Amino acid sequence: MEFEDQQQDIFLLIERLKSMAKQRLEARLPFSPWALWMSSEGELGVTELMGAGEDDWPALVDILRARRDRMRAAAVVVLMGDEAGISVMRFECEHRDGAAVAVATPWRREGSEVRLLGSQFVEGGPGIWAA
């Protein structure tokens, strides 16, 4: 698959995942590590580690790794904080043909809404195909 096509798959997954994560935060739903993945045919699916903590996300990557021959891309989201106490959503996305990216998106709650404060690329990638 061409690199531009890989980028489109990754962009789609991250934007969908970001929207879904924002909705989940606004609804104050429990936030366990979860992933949005794209099948080889282009269909989207969700895998979640119900009741797991943010430190358990490597187990989610292991689950995705076991299914990687049926997927063409996957993105994982976890919530984390930083040294300044800012809440951050971290998205790690990888395509089976090689493209990978990690994005950090700080956020804050404003009443019942969640405001995303911009995104930046950071080091990392889930290691589903690269492992």
C-alpha atoms as a PDB file:
ATOM      1  CA  MET A   1       0.000   0.000   0.000  1.00  0.00           C
ATOM      2  CA  GLU A   2       1.294   3.474  -0.894  1.00  0.00           C
ATOM      3  CA  PHE A   3       2.490   5.683   1.978  1.00  0.00           C
ATOM      4  CA  GLU A   4      -0.251   8.265   1.270  1.00  0.00           C
ATOM      5  CA  ASP A   5      -2.899   5.535   1.631  1.00  0.00           C
ATOM      6  CA  GLN A   6      -1.327   4.428   4.903  1.00  0.00           C
ATOM      7  CA  GLN A   7      -1.441   8.036   6.121  1.00  0.00           C
ATOM      8  CA  GLN A   8      -5.142   8.272   5.212  1.00  0.00           C
ATOM      9  CA  ASP A   9      -5.920   5.125   7.226  1.00  0.00           C
ATOM     10  CA  ILE A  10      -3.948   6.452  10.210  1.00  0.00           C
ATOM     11  CA  PHE A  11      -5.553   9.896  10.006  1.00  0.00           C
ATOM     12  CA  LEU A  12      -9.030   8.340   9.864  1.00  0.00           C
ATOM     13  CA  LEU A  13      -8.365   6.158  12.909  1.00  0.00           C
ATOM     14  CA  ILE A  14      -6.888   8.976  14.994  1.00  0.00           C
ATOM     15  CA  GLU A  15      -9.667  11.450  14.159  1.00  0.00           C
ATOM     16  CA  ARG A  16     -12.394   8.868  14.892  1.00  0.00           C
ATOM     17  CA  LEU A  17     -10.668   7.766  18.081  1.00  0.00           C
ATOM     18  CA  LYS A  18     -10.194  11.367  19.221  1.00  0.00           C
ATOM     19  CA  SER A  19     -13.893  12.090  18.673  1.00  0.00           C
ATOM     20  CA  MET A  20     -14.969   8.907  20.462  1.00  0.00           C
ATOM     21  CA  ALA A  21     -12.607   9.594  23.384  1.00  0.00           C
ATOM     22  CA  LYS A  22     -13.914  13.164  23.735  1.00  0.00           C
ATOM     23  CA  GLN A  23     -17.519  11.892  23.799  1.00  0.00           C
ATOM     24  CA  ARG A  24     -16.610   9.299  26.407  1.00  0.00           C
ATOM     25  CA  LEU A  25     -14.943  11.922  28.601  1.00  0.00           C
ATOM     26  CA  GLU A  26     -17.908  14.301  28.246  1.00  0.00           C
ATOM     27  CA  ALA A  27     -20.297  11.510  29.250  1.00  0.00           C
ATOM     28  CA  ARG A  28     -17.974  10.758  32.195  1.00  0.00           C
ATOM     29  CA  LEU A  29     -17.842   7.103  31.184  1.00  0.00           C
ATOM     30  CA  PRO A  30     -15.082   4.908  32.615  1.00  0.00           C
ATOM     31  CA  PHE A  31     -11.966   5.215  30.504  1.00  0.00           C
ATOM     32  CA  SER A  32     -10.087   1.941  30.163  1.00  0.00           C
ATOM     33  CA  PRO A  33      -7.380   1.468  27.527  1.00  0.00           C
ATOM     34  CA  TRP A  34      -9.052   0.812  24.184  1.00  0.00           C
ATOM     35  CA  ALA A  35      -8.299   0.669  20.499  1.00  0.00           C
ATOM     36  CA  LEU A  36      -9.953   1.371  17.197  1.00  0.00           C
ATOM     37  CA  TRP A  37      -8.751  -0.895  14.407  1.00  0.00           C
ATOM     38  CA  MET A  38      -9.309  -1.273  10.703  1.00  0.00           C
ATOM     39  CA  SER A  39      -9.810  -4.737   9.228  1.00  0.00           C
ATOM     40  CA  SER A  40      -8.041  -5.814   6.063  1.00  0.00           C
ATOM     41  CA  GLU A  41     -11.315  -4.972   4.257  1.00  0.00           C
ATOM     42  CA  GLY A  42     -11.465  -1.447   5.737  1.00  0.00           C
ATOM     43  CA  GLU A  43     -14.172  -2.030   8.373  1.00  0.00           C
ATOM     44  CA  LEU A  44     -13.700  -0.433  11.800  1.00  0.00           C
ATOM     45  CA  GLY A  45     -13.863  -2.249  15.130  1.00  0.00           C
ATOM     46  CA  VAL A  46     -13.227  -1.477  18.811  1.00  0.00           C
ATOM     47  CA  THR A  47     -11.349  -3.505  21.412  1.00  0.00           C
ATOM     48  CA  GLU A  48     -11.390  -2.419  25.066  1.00  0.00           C
ATOM     49  CA  LEU A  49      -9.848  -3.711  28.286  1.00  0.00           C
ATOM     50  CA  MET A  50     -12.852  -3.164  30.541  1.00  0.00           C
ATOM     51  CA  GLY A  51     -11.899  -2.208  34.082  1.00  0.00           C
ATOM     52  CA  ALA A  52      -8.176  -1.999  33.295  1.00  0.00           C
ATOM     53  CA  GLY A  53      -6.083   0.966  34.383  1.00  0.00           C
ATOM     54  CA  GLU A  54      -4.040   3.245  32.172  1.00  0.00           C
ATOM     55  CA  ASP A  55      -0.881   1.275  33.019  1.00  0.00           C
ATOM     56  CA  ASP A  56      -2.443  -1.858  31.501  1.00  0.00           C
ATOM     57  CA  TRP A  57      -2.413  -0.643  27.887  1.00  0.00           C
ATOM     58  CA  PRO A  58       0.516  -2.924  26.868  1.00  0.00           C
ATOM     59  CA  ALA A  59      -1.902  -5.856  27.361  1.00  0.00           C
ATOM     60  CA  LEU A  60      -4.186  -4.250  24.775  1.00  0.00           C
ATOM     61  CA  VAL A  61      -1.285  -4.073  22.325  1.00  0.00           C
ATOM     62  CA  ASP A  62      -0.688  -7.801  22.934  1.00  0.00           C
ATOM     63  CA  ILE A  63      -4.337  -8.529  22.020  1.00  0.00           C
ATOM     64  CA  LEU A  64      -4.023  -6.470  18.833  1.00  0.00           C
ATOM     65  CA  ARG A  65      -0.716  -8.131  17.984  1.00  0.00           C
ATOM     66  CA  ALA A  66      -2.454 -11.529  18.125  1.00  0.00           C
ATOM     67  CA  ARG A  67      -5.025 -10.252  15.569  1.00  0.00           C
ATOM     68  CA  ARG A  68      -2.659  -8.312  13.325  1.00  0.00           C
ATOM     69  CA  ASP A  69      -2.970 -10.653  10.349  1.00  0.00           C
ATOM     70  CA  ARG A  70      -6.670  -9.650  10.081  1.00  0.00           C
ATOM     71  CA  MET A  71      -6.072  -5.883  10.418  1.00  0.00           C
ATOM     72  CA  ARG A  72      -4.418  -3.250   8.279  1.00  0.00           C
ATOM     73  CA  ALA A  73      -4.166  -0.505  10.925  1.00  0.00           C
ATOM     74  CA  ALA A  74      -4.866   0.074  14.620  1.00  0.00           C
ATOM     75  CA  ALA A  75      -4.818   3.001  17.040  1.00  0.00           C
ATOM     76  CA  VAL A  76      -4.659   2.796  20.836  1.00  0.00           C
ATOM     77  CA  VAL A  77      -5.750   5.579  23.213  1.00  0.00           C
ATOM     78  CA  VAL A  78      -4.801   5.969  26.869  1.00  0.00           C
ATOM     79  CA  LEU A  79      -5.289   8.791  29.349  1.00  0.00           C
ATOM     80  CA  MET A  80      -2.300  10.090  31.204  1.00  0.00           C
ATOM     81  CA  GLY A  81      -1.086  13.148  33.044  1.00  0.00           C
ATOM     82  CA  ASP A  82       2.216  14.935  32.918  1.00  0.00           C
ATOM     83  CA  GLU A  83       4.483  16.512  35.493  1.00  0.00           C
ATOM     84  CA  ALA A  84       2.410  19.724  35.456  1.00  0.00           C
ATOM     85  CA  GLY A  85      -0.801  17.810  36.224  1.00  0.00           C
ATOM     86  CA  ILE A  86      -2.263  18.364  32.755  1.00  0.00           C
ATOM     87  CA  SER A  87      -4.562  15.630  31.439  1.00  0.00           C
ATOM     88  CA  VAL A  88      -3.428  14.160  28.131  1.00  0.00           C
ATOM     89  CA  MET A  89      -4.921  11.654  25.705  1.00  0.00           C
ATOM     90  CA  ARG A  90      -2.216   9.680  23.951  1.00  0.00           C
ATOM     91  CA  PHE A  91      -2.973   8.062  20.604  1.00  0.00           C
ATOM     92  CA  GLU A  92      -0.573   5.536  19.130  1.00  0.00           C
ATOM     93  CA  CYS A  93      -1.335   4.351  15.628  1.00  0.00           C
ATOM     94  CA  GLU A  94       0.384   1.887  13.339  1.00  0.00           C
ATOM     95  CA  HIS A  95      -0.230   0.553   9.838  1.00  0.00           C
ATOM     96  CA  ARG A  96       0.779  -2.958   8.784  1.00  0.00           C
ATOM     97  CA  ASP A  97       2.694  -1.523   5.816  1.00  0.00           C
ATOM     98  CA  GLY A  98       5.022   0.496   8.042  1.00  0.00           C
ATOM     99  CA  ALA A  99       3.622   3.949   8.852  1.00  0.00           C
ATOM    100  CA  ALA A 100       3.337   4.707  12.582  1.00  0.00           C
ATOM    101  CA  VAL A 101       2.657   7.809  14.638  1.00  0.00           C
ATOM    102  CA  ALA A 102       2.035   8.814  18.248  1.00  0.00           C
ATOM    103  CA  VAL A 103       0.035  11.935  19.097  1.00  0.00           C
ATOM    104  CA  ALA A 104      -0.468  13.625  22.473  1.00  0.00           C
ATOM    105  CA  THR A 105      -3.592  15.754  22.924  1.00  0.00           C
ATOM    106  CA  PRO A 106      -3.923  17.747  26.172  1.00  0.00           C
ATOM    107  CA  TRP A 107      -7.491  18.384  27.316  1.00  0.00           C
ATOM    108  CA  ARG A 108      -9.467  19.993  30.098  1.00  0.00           C
ATOM    109  CA  ARG A 109     -13.013  19.842  31.322  1.00  0.00           C
ATOM    110  CA  GLU A 110     -15.085  23.032  30.944  1.00  0.00           C
ATOM    111  CA  GLY A 111     -18.398  22.361  32.658  1.00  0.00           C
ATOM    112  CA  SER A 112     -19.988  19.390  30.918  1.00  0.00           C
ATOM    113  CA  GLU A 113     -17.762  19.735  27.838  1.00  0.00           C
ATOM    114  CA  VAL A 114     -14.235  18.609  27.164  1.00  0.00           C
ATOM    115  CA  ARG A 115     -11.933  21.023  25.363  1.00  0.00           C
ATOM    116  CA  LEU A 116      -9.071  19.577  23.342  1.00  0.00           C
ATOM    117  CA  LEU A 117      -6.040  21.854  23.554  1.00  0.00           C
ATOM    118  CA  GLY A 118      -4.228  20.903  20.365  1.00  0.00           C
ATOM    119  CA  SER A 119      -2.157  17.900  19.399  1.00  0.00           C
ATOM    120  CA  GLN A 120       1.516  17.275  18.926  1.00  0.00           C
ATOM    121  CA  PHE A 121       3.509  14.384  17.574  1.00  0.00           C
ATOM    122  CA  VAL A 122       5.512  12.520  20.203  1.00  0.00           C
ATOM    123  CA  GLU A 123       7.866   9.561  20.204  1.00  0.00           C
ATOM    124  CA  GLY A 124       6.343   6.131  20.201  1.00  0.00           C
ATOM    125  CA  GLY A 125       4.094   3.746  18.409  1.00  0.00           C
ATOM    126  CA  PRO A 126       2.193   0.735  19.662  1.00  0.00           C
ATOM    127  CA  GLY A 127       4.482  -1.961  18.196  1.00  0.00           C
ATOM    128  CA  ILE A 128       1.753  -4.180  16.761  1.00  0.00           C
ATOM    129  CA  TRP A 129       3.538  -5.001  13.499  1.00  0.00           C
ATOM    130  CA  ALA A 130       6.984  -3.727  14.444  1.00  0.00           C
ATOM    131  CA  ALA A 131       7.356  -6.211  17.292  1.00  0.00           C
END
